[in-house]
Amino acid sequence: IVPVYGGASISEQIKKVRRGAQIIVATPGRLMDMMDRNVVKIDTIRFVVLDEADEMLNMGFKDDIDQILADTPESKNVWLFSATMPR
């Protein structure tokens, strides 16, 4: 399991991913950066889990999420989670 997020050394994260990550926990921006660098390929993944999905959409990450999901297979499982519930 490799956490991938901005504000931390991308070179260290790349090394850890290349060692053989089976699970990547990532922020949208850093994941797209890793995808652009051909470090992470998501065309064969089986599961996508979005935690706080509603908050990511409220914060304006819809385009990023759409771009990421466009590179995944249609047959994937998508799980959306949120700890917050509006009234």
PDB file of N, CA and C in Angstrom:
ATOM      1  N   ILE A   1       0.859  -1.171   0.000  1.00  0.00           N
ATOM      2  CA  ILE A   1       0.000   0.000   0.000  1.00  0.00           C
ATOM      3  C   ILE A   1       0.899   1.225   0.000  1.00  0.00           C
ATOM      4  N   VAL A   2       0.659   2.133  -0.946  1.00  0.00           N
ATOM      5  CA  VAL A   2       1.473   3.340  -1.046  1.00  0.00           C
ATOM      6  C   VAL A   2       0.570   4.567  -1.033  1.00  0.00           C
ATOM      7  N   PRO A   3       0.802   5.487  -0.087  1.00  0.00           N
ATOM      8  CA  PRO A   3       0.070   6.754  -0.114  1.00  0.00           C
ATOM      9  C   PRO A   3       0.736   7.702  -1.115  1.00  0.00           C
ATOM     10  N   VAL A   4      -0.084   8.369  -1.923  1.00  0.00           N
ATOM     11  CA  VAL A   4       0.406   9.261  -2.969  1.00  0.00           C
ATOM     12  C   VAL A   4      -0.361  10.572  -2.838  1.00  0.00           C
ATOM     13  N   TYR A   5       0.349  11.635  -2.451  1.00  0.00           N
ATOM     14  CA  TYR A   5      -0.315  12.919  -2.205  1.00  0.00           C
ATOM     15  C   TYR A   5       0.686  14.053  -2.364  1.00  0.00           C
ATOM     16  N   GLY A   6       0.186  15.226  -2.652  1.00  0.00           N
ATOM     17  CA  GLY A   6       1.030  16.405  -2.793  1.00  0.00           C
ATOM     18  C   GLY A   6       1.594  16.843  -1.463  1.00  0.00           C
ATOM     19  N   GLY A   7       2.678  17.605  -1.517  1.00  0.00           N
ATOM     20  CA  GLY A   7       3.318  18.082  -0.310  1.00  0.00           C
ATOM     21  C   GLY A   7       4.381  17.141   0.216  1.00  0.00           C
ATOM     22  N   ALA A   8       4.453  15.953  -0.345  1.00  0.00           N
ATOM     23  CA  ALA A   8       5.480  14.979   0.023  1.00  0.00           C
ATOM     24  C   ALA A   8       6.355  14.742  -1.207  1.00  0.00           C
ATOM     25  N   SER A   9       7.506  14.158  -0.996  1.00  0.00           N
ATOM     26  CA  SER A   9       8.455  13.922  -2.082  1.00  0.00           C
ATOM     27  C   SER A   9       7.871  12.983  -3.137  1.00  0.00           C
ATOM     28  N   ILE A  10       7.694  13.503  -4.345  1.00  0.00           N
ATOM     29  CA  ILE A  10       7.160  12.657  -5.413  1.00  0.00           C
ATOM     30  C   ILE A  10       8.169  11.584  -5.812  1.00  0.00           C
ATOM     31  N   SER A  11       9.461  11.898  -5.724  1.00  0.00           N
ATOM     32  CA  SER A  11      10.458  10.893  -6.114  1.00  0.00           C
ATOM     33  C   SER A  11      10.416   9.695  -5.161  1.00  0.00           C
ATOM     34  N   GLU A  12      10.212   9.936  -3.876  1.00  0.00           N
ATOM     35  CA  GLU A  12      10.086   8.833  -2.922  1.00  0.00           C
ATOM     36  C   GLU A  12       8.813   8.033  -3.187  1.00  0.00           C
ATOM     37  N   GLN A  13       7.730   8.727  -3.505  1.00  0.00           N
ATOM     38  CA  GLN A  13       6.478   8.039  -3.805  1.00  0.00           C
ATOM     39  C   GLN A  13       6.620   7.198  -5.071  1.00  0.00           C
ATOM     40  N   ILE A  14       7.311   7.719  -6.065  1.00  0.00           N
ATOM     41  CA  ILE A  14       7.534   6.964  -7.306  1.00  0.00           C
ATOM     42  C   ILE A  14       8.333   5.694  -7.015  1.00  0.00           C
ATOM     43  N   LYS A  15       9.374   5.804  -6.201  1.00  0.00           N
ATOM     44  CA  LYS A  15      10.173   4.621  -5.851  1.00  0.00           C
ATOM     45  C   LYS A  15       9.303   3.554  -5.192  1.00  0.00           C
ATOM     46  N   LYS A  16       8.460   3.985  -4.262  1.00  0.00           N
ATOM     47  CA  LYS A  16       7.603   3.032  -3.551  1.00  0.00           C
ATOM     48  C   LYS A  16       6.594   2.386  -4.494  1.00  0.00           C
ATOM     49  N   VAL A  17       6.011   3.146  -5.398  1.00  0.00           N
ATOM     50  CA  VAL A  17       5.051   2.589  -6.361  1.00  0.00           C
ATOM     51  C   VAL A  17       5.743   1.583  -7.268  1.00  0.00           C
ATOM     52  N   ARG A  18       6.927   1.925  -7.730  1.00  0.00           N
ATOM     53  CA  ARG A  18       7.662   1.037  -8.652  1.00  0.00           C
ATOM     54  C   ARG A  18       8.130  -0.249  -7.987  1.00  0.00           C
ATOM     55  N   ARG A  19       8.205  -0.261  -6.678  1.00  0.00           N
ATOM     56  CA  ARG A  19       8.571  -1.498  -5.966  1.00  0.00           C
ATOM     57  C   ARG A  19       7.448  -2.525  -6.012  1.00  0.00           C
ATOM     58  N   GLY A  20       6.257  -2.102  -6.443  1.00  0.00           N
ATOM     59  CA  GLY A  20       5.179  -3.063  -6.587  1.00  0.00           C
ATOM     60  C   GLY A  20       3.975  -2.793  -5.715  1.00  0.00           C
ATOM     61  N   ALA A  21       3.391  -1.640  -5.844  1.00  0.00           N
ATOM     62  CA  ALA A  21       2.194  -1.309  -5.078  1.00  0.00           C
ATOM     63  C   ALA A  21       0.977  -2.022  -5.636  1.00  0.00           C
ATOM     64  N   GLN A  22       0.238  -2.669  -4.766  1.00  0.00           N
ATOM     65  CA  GLN A  22      -1.021  -3.280  -5.190  1.00  0.00           C
ATOM     66  C   GLN A  22      -2.199  -2.388  -4.841  1.00  0.00           C
ATOM     67  N   ILE A  23      -2.001  -1.511  -3.862  1.00  0.00           N
ATOM     68  CA  ILE A  23      -3.029  -0.544  -3.470  1.00  0.00           C
ATOM     69  C   ILE A  23      -2.359   0.817  -3.402  1.00  0.00           C
ATOM     70  N   ILE A  24      -2.966   1.803  -4.064  1.00  0.00           N
ATOM     71  CA  ILE A  24      -2.478   3.176  -4.012  1.00  0.00           C
ATOM     72  C   ILE A  24      -3.596   4.035  -3.440  1.00  0.00           C
ATOM     73  N   VAL A  25      -3.288   4.755  -2.384  1.00  0.00           N
ATOM     74  CA  VAL A  25      -4.222   5.697  -1.775  1.00  0.00           C
ATOM     75  C   VAL A  25      -3.739   7.076  -2.201  1.00  0.00           C
ATOM     76  N   ALA A  26      -4.547   7.781  -3.011  1.00  0.00           N
ATOM     77  CA  ALA A  26      -4.030   8.984  -3.653  1.00  0.00           C
ATOM     78  C   ALA A  26      -5.027  10.133  -3.659  1.00  0.00           C
ATOM     79  N   THR A  27      -4.469  11.333  -3.684  1.00  0.00           N
ATOM     80  CA  THR A  27      -5.269  12.510  -3.985  1.00  0.00           C
ATOM     81  C   THR A  27      -5.374  12.605  -5.509  1.00  0.00           C
ATOM     82  N   PRO A  28      -6.460  13.199  -6.012  1.00  0.00           N
ATOM     83  CA  PRO A  28      -6.641  13.242  -7.468  1.00  0.00           C
ATOM     84  C   PRO A  28      -5.468  13.888  -8.219  1.00  0.00           C
ATOM     85  N   GLY A  29      -4.993  15.031  -7.736  1.00  0.00           N
ATOM     86  CA  GLY A  29      -3.924  15.734  -8.450  1.00  0.00           C
ATOM     87  C   GLY A  29      -2.635  14.948  -8.523  1.00  0.00           C
ATOM     88  N   ARG A  30      -2.225  14.350  -7.421  1.00  0.00           N
ATOM     89  CA  ARG A  30      -0.969  13.595  -7.428  1.00  0.00           C
ATOM     90  C   ARG A  30      -1.115  12.322  -8.252  1.00  0.00           C
ATOM     91  N   LEU A  31      -2.303  11.697  -8.208  1.00  0.00           N
ATOM     92  CA  LEU A  31      -2.514  10.508  -9.029  1.00  0.00           C
ATOM     93  C   LEU A  31      -2.407  10.857 -10.508  1.00  0.00           C
ATOM     94  N   MET A  32      -3.018  11.968 -10.921  1.00  0.00           N
ATOM     95  CA  MET A  32      -2.930  12.367 -12.332  1.00  0.00           C
ATOM     96  C   MET A  32      -1.487  12.688 -12.719  1.00  0.00           C
ATOM     97  N   ASP A  33      -0.734  13.292 -11.807  1.00  0.00           N
ATOM     98  CA  ASP A  33       0.674  13.567 -12.058  1.00  0.00           C
ATOM     99  C   ASP A  33       1.436  12.262 -12.285  1.00  0.00           C
ATOM    100  N   MET A  34       1.173  11.273 -11.445  1.00  0.00           N
ATOM    101  CA  MET A  34       1.830   9.970 -11.597  1.00  0.00           C
ATOM    102  C   MET A  34       1.397   9.282 -12.898  1.00  0.00           C
ATOM    103  N   MET A  35       0.143   9.450 -13.267  1.00  0.00           N
ATOM    104  CA  MET A  35      -0.333   8.878 -14.527  1.00  0.00           C
ATOM    105  C   MET A  35       0.358   9.558 -15.711  1.00  0.00           C
ATOM    106  N   ASP A  36       0.482  10.887 -15.666  1.00  0.00           N
ATOM    107  CA  ASP A  36       1.155  11.638 -16.736  1.00  0.00           C
ATOM    108  C   ASP A  36       2.612  11.231 -16.886  1.00  0.00           C
ATOM    109  N   ARG A  37       3.245  10.838 -15.782  1.00  0.00           N
ATOM    110  CA  ARG A  37       4.651  10.410 -15.807  1.00  0.00           C
ATOM    111  C   ARG A  37       4.794   8.923 -16.145  1.00  0.00           C
ATOM    112  N   ASN A  38       3.673   8.259 -16.439  1.00  0.00           N
ATOM    113  CA  ASN A  38       3.650   6.824 -16.740  1.00  0.00           C
ATOM    114  C   ASN A  38       4.192   5.974 -15.595  1.00  0.00           C
ATOM    115  N   VAL A  39       4.018   6.445 -14.380  1.00  0.00           N
ATOM    116  CA  VAL A  39       4.408   5.694 -13.195  1.00  0.00           C
ATOM    117  C   VAL A  39       3.254   4.799 -12.769  1.00  0.00           C
ATOM    118  N   VAL A  40       2.042   5.311 -12.877  1.00  0.00           N
ATOM    119  CA  VAL A  40       0.842   4.582 -12.490  1.00  0.00           C
ATOM    120  C   VAL A  40      -0.015   4.377 -13.733  1.00  0.00           C
ATOM    121  N   LYS A  41      -0.374   3.133 -13.972  1.00  0.00           N
ATOM    122  CA  LYS A  41      -1.284   2.795 -15.069  1.00  0.00           C
ATOM    123  C   LYS A  41      -2.526   2.179 -14.446  1.00  0.00           C
ATOM    124  N   ILE A  42      -3.686   2.724 -14.781  1.00  0.00           N
ATOM    125  CA  ILE A  42      -4.917   2.264 -14.135  1.00  0.00           C
ATOM    126  C   ILE A  42      -5.878   1.620 -15.130  1.00  0.00           C
ATOM    127  N   ASP A  43      -5.367   1.201 -16.267  1.00  0.00           N
ATOM    128  CA  ASP A  43      -6.237   0.641 -17.306  1.00  0.00           C
ATOM    129  C   ASP A  43      -6.674  -0.794 -17.029  1.00  0.00           C
ATOM    130  N   THR A  44      -6.126  -1.408 -15.982  1.00  0.00           N
ATOM    131  CA  THR A  44      -6.525  -2.782 -15.662  1.00  0.00           C
ATOM    132  C   THR A  44      -7.007  -2.936 -14.223  1.00  0.00           C
ATOM    133  N   ILE A  45      -7.218  -1.820 -13.534  1.00  0.00           N
ATOM    134  CA  ILE A  45      -7.635  -1.937 -12.130  1.00  0.00           C
ATOM    135  C   ILE A  45      -9.030  -2.532 -12.035  1.00  0.00           C
ATOM    136  N   ARG A  46      -9.308  -3.118 -10.886  1.00  0.00           N
ATOM    137  CA  ARG A  46     -10.608  -3.760 -10.675  1.00  0.00           C
ATOM    138  C   ARG A  46     -11.483  -2.995  -9.694  1.00  0.00           C
ATOM    139  N   PHE A  47     -10.869  -2.184  -8.844  1.00  0.00           N
ATOM    140  CA  PHE A  47     -11.630  -1.452  -7.829  1.00  0.00           C
ATOM    141  C   PHE A  47     -11.191   0.002  -7.764  1.00  0.00           C
ATOM    142  N   VAL A  48     -12.167   0.898  -7.649  1.00  0.00           N
ATOM    143  CA  VAL A  48     -11.920   2.313  -7.391  1.00  0.00           C
ATOM    144  C   VAL A  48     -12.746   2.660  -6.160  1.00  0.00           C
ATOM    145  N   VAL A  49     -12.091   3.207  -5.143  1.00  0.00           N
ATOM    146  CA  VAL A  49     -12.780   3.611  -3.918  1.00  0.00           C
ATOM    147  C   VAL A  49     -12.579   5.109  -3.762  1.00  0.00           C
ATOM    148  N   LEU A  50     -13.671   5.843  -3.687  1.00  0.00           N
ATOM    149  CA  LEU A  50     -13.600   7.290  -3.467  1.00  0.00           C
ATOM    150  C   LEU A  50     -14.173   7.584  -2.092  1.00  0.00           C
ATOM    151  N   ASP A  51     -13.311   7.962  -1.177  1.00  0.00           N
ATOM    152  CA  ASP A  51     -13.753   8.348   0.158  1.00  0.00           C
ATOM    153  C   ASP A  51     -14.064   9.837   0.135  1.00  0.00           C
ATOM    154  N   GLU A  52     -15.112  10.215   0.818  1.00  0.00           N
ATOM    155  CA  GLU A  52     -15.594  11.599   0.819  1.00  0.00           C
ATOM    156  C   GLU A  52     -15.869  12.073  -0.609  1.00  0.00           C
ATOM    157  N   ALA A  53     -16.471  11.202  -1.404  1.00  0.00           N
ATOM    158  CA  ALA A  53     -16.758  11.508  -2.810  1.00  0.00           C
ATOM    159  C   ALA A  53     -17.595  12.771  -2.953  1.00  0.00           C
ATOM    160  N   ASP A  54     -18.608  12.938  -2.104  1.00  0.00           N
ATOM    161  CA  ASP A  54     -19.447  14.129  -2.207  1.00  0.00           C
ATOM    162  C   ASP A  54     -18.657  15.397  -1.920  1.00  0.00           C
ATOM    163  N   GLU A  55     -17.751  15.346  -0.962  1.00  0.00           N
ATOM    164  CA  GLU A  55     -16.937  16.513  -0.643  1.00  0.00           C
ATOM    165  C   GLU A  55     -15.960  16.827  -1.775  1.00  0.00           C
ATOM    166  N   MET A  56     -15.409  15.802  -2.412  1.00  0.00           N
ATOM    167  CA  MET A  56     -14.514  16.049  -3.549  1.00  0.00           C
ATOM    168  C   MET A  56     -15.273  16.749  -4.668  1.00  0.00           C
ATOM    169  N   LEU A  57     -16.510  16.335  -4.903  1.00  0.00           N
ATOM    170  CA  LEU A  57     -17.310  16.995  -5.933  1.00  0.00           C
ATOM    171  C   LEU A  57     -17.642  18.422  -5.527  1.00  0.00           C
ATOM    172  N   ASN A  58     -18.003  18.633  -4.260  1.00  0.00           N
ATOM    173  CA  ASN A  58     -18.301  19.981  -3.769  1.00  0.00           C
ATOM    174  C   ASN A  58     -17.094  20.907  -3.852  1.00  0.00           C
ATOM    175  N   MET A  59     -15.901  20.344  -3.753  1.00  0.00           N
ATOM    176  CA  MET A  59     -14.670  21.141  -3.787  1.00  0.00           C
ATOM    177  C   MET A  59     -14.174  21.376  -5.214  1.00  0.00           C
ATOM    178  N   GLY A  60     -14.899  20.868  -6.213  1.00  0.00           N
ATOM    179  CA  GLY A  60     -14.540  21.142  -7.599  1.00  0.00           C
ATOM    180  C   GLY A  60     -13.624  20.130  -8.257  1.00  0.00           C
ATOM    181  N   PHE A  61     -13.570  18.918  -7.733  1.00  0.00           N
ATOM    182  CA  PHE A  61     -12.700  17.892  -8.306  1.00  0.00           C
ATOM    183  C   PHE A  61     -13.387  17.013  -9.350  1.00  0.00           C
ATOM    184  N   LYS A  62     -14.587  17.383  -9.797  1.00  0.00           N
ATOM    185  CA  LYS A  62     -15.329  16.535 -10.743  1.00  0.00           C
ATOM    186  C   LYS A  62     -14.538  16.264 -12.024  1.00  0.00           C
ATOM    187  N   ASP A  63     -13.949  17.302 -12.607  1.00  0.00           N
ATOM    188  CA  ASP A  63     -13.191  17.106 -13.845  1.00  0.00           C
ATOM    189  C   ASP A  63     -12.010  16.162 -13.634  1.00  0.00           C
ATOM    190  N   ASP A  64     -11.325  16.302 -12.504  1.00  0.00           N
ATOM    191  CA  ASP A  64     -10.194  15.412 -12.204  1.00  0.00           C
ATOM    192  C   ASP A  64     -10.669  13.971 -12.043  1.00  0.00           C
ATOM    193  N   ILE A  65     -11.755  13.793 -11.318  1.00  0.00           N
ATOM    194  CA  ILE A  65     -12.289  12.442 -11.101  1.00  0.00           C
ATOM    195  C   ILE A  65     -12.747  11.837 -12.417  1.00  0.00           C
ATOM    196  N   ASP A  66     -13.427  12.638 -13.242  1.00  0.00           N
ATOM    197  CA  ASP A  66     -13.855  12.147 -14.556  1.00  0.00           C
ATOM    198  C   ASP A  66     -12.665  11.730 -15.404  1.00  0.00           C
ATOM    199  N   GLN A  67     -11.600  12.537 -15.373  1.00  0.00           N
ATOM    200  CA  GLN A  67     -10.404  12.219 -16.155  1.00  0.00           C
ATOM    201  C   GLN A  67      -9.765  10.921 -15.667  1.00  0.00           C
ATOM    202  N   ILE A  68      -9.684  10.750 -14.365  1.00  0.00           N
ATOM    203  CA  ILE A  68      -9.098   9.526 -13.808  1.00  0.00           C
ATOM    204  C   ILE A  68      -9.958   8.320 -14.185  1.00  0.00           C
ATOM    205  N   LEU A  69     -11.264   8.412 -13.969  1.00  0.00           N
ATOM    206  CA  LEU A  69     -12.147   7.278 -14.250  1.00  0.00           C
ATOM    207  C   LEU A  69     -12.186   6.933 -15.733  1.00  0.00           C
ATOM    208  N   ALA A  70     -11.943   7.901 -16.599  1.00  0.00           N
ATOM    209  CA  ALA A  70     -11.929   7.645 -18.043  1.00  0.00           C
ATOM    210  C   ALA A  70     -10.813   6.688 -18.437  1.00  0.00           C
ATOM    211  N   ASP A  71      -9.761   6.607 -17.629  1.00  0.00           N
ATOM    212  CA  ASP A  71      -8.627   5.720 -17.918  1.00  0.00           C
ATOM    213  C   ASP A  71      -8.774   4.345 -17.286  1.00  0.00           C
ATOM    214  N   THR A  72      -9.903   4.083 -16.681  1.00  0.00           N
ATOM    215  CA  THR A  72     -10.129   2.794 -16.020  1.00  0.00           C
ATOM    216  C   THR A  72     -11.057   1.930 -16.863  1.00  0.00           C
ATOM    217  N   PRO A  73     -11.026   0.618 -16.688  1.00  0.00           N
ATOM    218  CA  PRO A  73     -11.910  -0.259 -17.454  1.00  0.00           C
ATOM    219  C   PRO A  73     -13.381  -0.075 -17.040  1.00  0.00           C
ATOM    220  N   GLU A  74     -14.279  -0.282 -17.976  1.00  0.00           N
ATOM    221  CA  GLU A  74     -15.707  -0.171 -17.662  1.00  0.00           C
ATOM    222  C   GLU A  74     -16.157  -1.231 -16.673  1.00  0.00           C
ATOM    223  N   SER A  75     -15.466  -2.342 -16.621  1.00  0.00           N
ATOM    224  CA  SER A  75     -15.868  -3.468 -15.766  1.00  0.00           C
ATOM    225  C   SER A  75     -15.429  -3.317 -14.309  1.00  0.00           C
ATOM    226  N   LYS A  76     -14.860  -2.178 -13.940  1.00  0.00           N
ATOM    227  CA  LYS A  76     -14.377  -1.986 -12.565  1.00  0.00           C
ATOM    228  C   LYS A  76     -15.542  -1.855 -11.584  1.00  0.00           C
ATOM    229  N   ASN A  77     -15.241  -2.058 -10.325  1.00  0.00           N
ATOM    230  CA  ASN A  77     -16.175  -1.794  -9.240  1.00  0.00           C
ATOM    231  C   ASN A  77     -15.849  -0.426  -8.673  1.00  0.00           C
ATOM    232  N   VAL A  78     -16.856   0.427  -8.514  1.00  0.00           N
ATOM    233  CA  VAL A  78     -16.649   1.757  -7.948  1.00  0.00           C
ATOM    234  C   VAL A  78     -17.427   1.842  -6.646  1.00  0.00           C
ATOM    235  N   TRP A  79     -16.712   2.182  -5.574  1.00  0.00           N
ATOM    236  CA  TRP A  79     -17.325   2.325  -4.258  1.00  0.00           C
ATOM    237  C   TRP A  79     -17.169   3.771  -3.825  1.00  0.00           C
ATOM    238  N   LEU A  80     -18.271   4.403  -3.463  1.00  0.00           N
ATOM    239  CA  LEU A  80     -18.268   5.797  -3.023  1.00  0.00           C
ATOM    240  C   LEU A  80     -18.647   5.836  -1.544  1.00  0.00           C
ATOM    241  N   PHE A  81     -17.843   6.557  -0.758  1.00  0.00           N
ATOM    242  CA  PHE A  81     -18.092   6.637   0.662  1.00  0.00           C
ATOM    243  C   PHE A  81     -18.142   8.091   1.108  1.00  0.00           C
ATOM    244  N   SER A  82     -18.889   8.330   2.182  1.00  0.00           N
ATOM    245  CA  SER A  82     -18.908   9.652   2.799  1.00  0.00           C
ATOM    246  C   SER A  82     -19.300   9.494   4.259  1.00  0.00           C
ATOM    247  N   ALA A  83     -18.619  10.238   5.104  1.00  0.00           N
ATOM    248  CA  ALA A  83     -18.953  10.225   6.532  1.00  0.00           C
ATOM    249  C   ALA A  83     -19.938  11.334   6.876  1.00  0.00           C
ATOM    250  N   THR A  84     -20.194  12.217   5.922  1.00  0.00           N
ATOM    251  CA  THR A  84     -21.081  13.345   6.155  1.00  0.00           C
ATOM    252  C   THR A  84     -22.381  13.137   5.395  1.00  0.00           C
ATOM    253  N   MET A  85     -23.451  13.559   6.004  1.00  0.00           N
ATOM    254  CA  MET A  85     -24.764  13.454   5.357  1.00  0.00           C
ATOM    255  C   MET A  85     -25.497  14.785   5.567  1.00  0.00           C
ATOM    256  N   PRO A  86     -25.829  15.478   4.480  1.00  0.00           N
ATOM    257  CA  PRO A  86     -26.585  16.709   4.664  1.00  0.00           C
ATOM    258  C   PRO A  86     -27.986  16.394   5.172  1.00  0.00           C
ATOM    259  N   ARG A  87     -28.593  17.354   5.844  1.00  0.00           N
ATOM    260  CA  ARG A  87     -29.919  17.124   6.373  1.00  0.00           C
ATOM    261  C   ARG A  87     -30.892  16.811   5.253  1.00  0.00           C
TER     262      ARG A  87
END
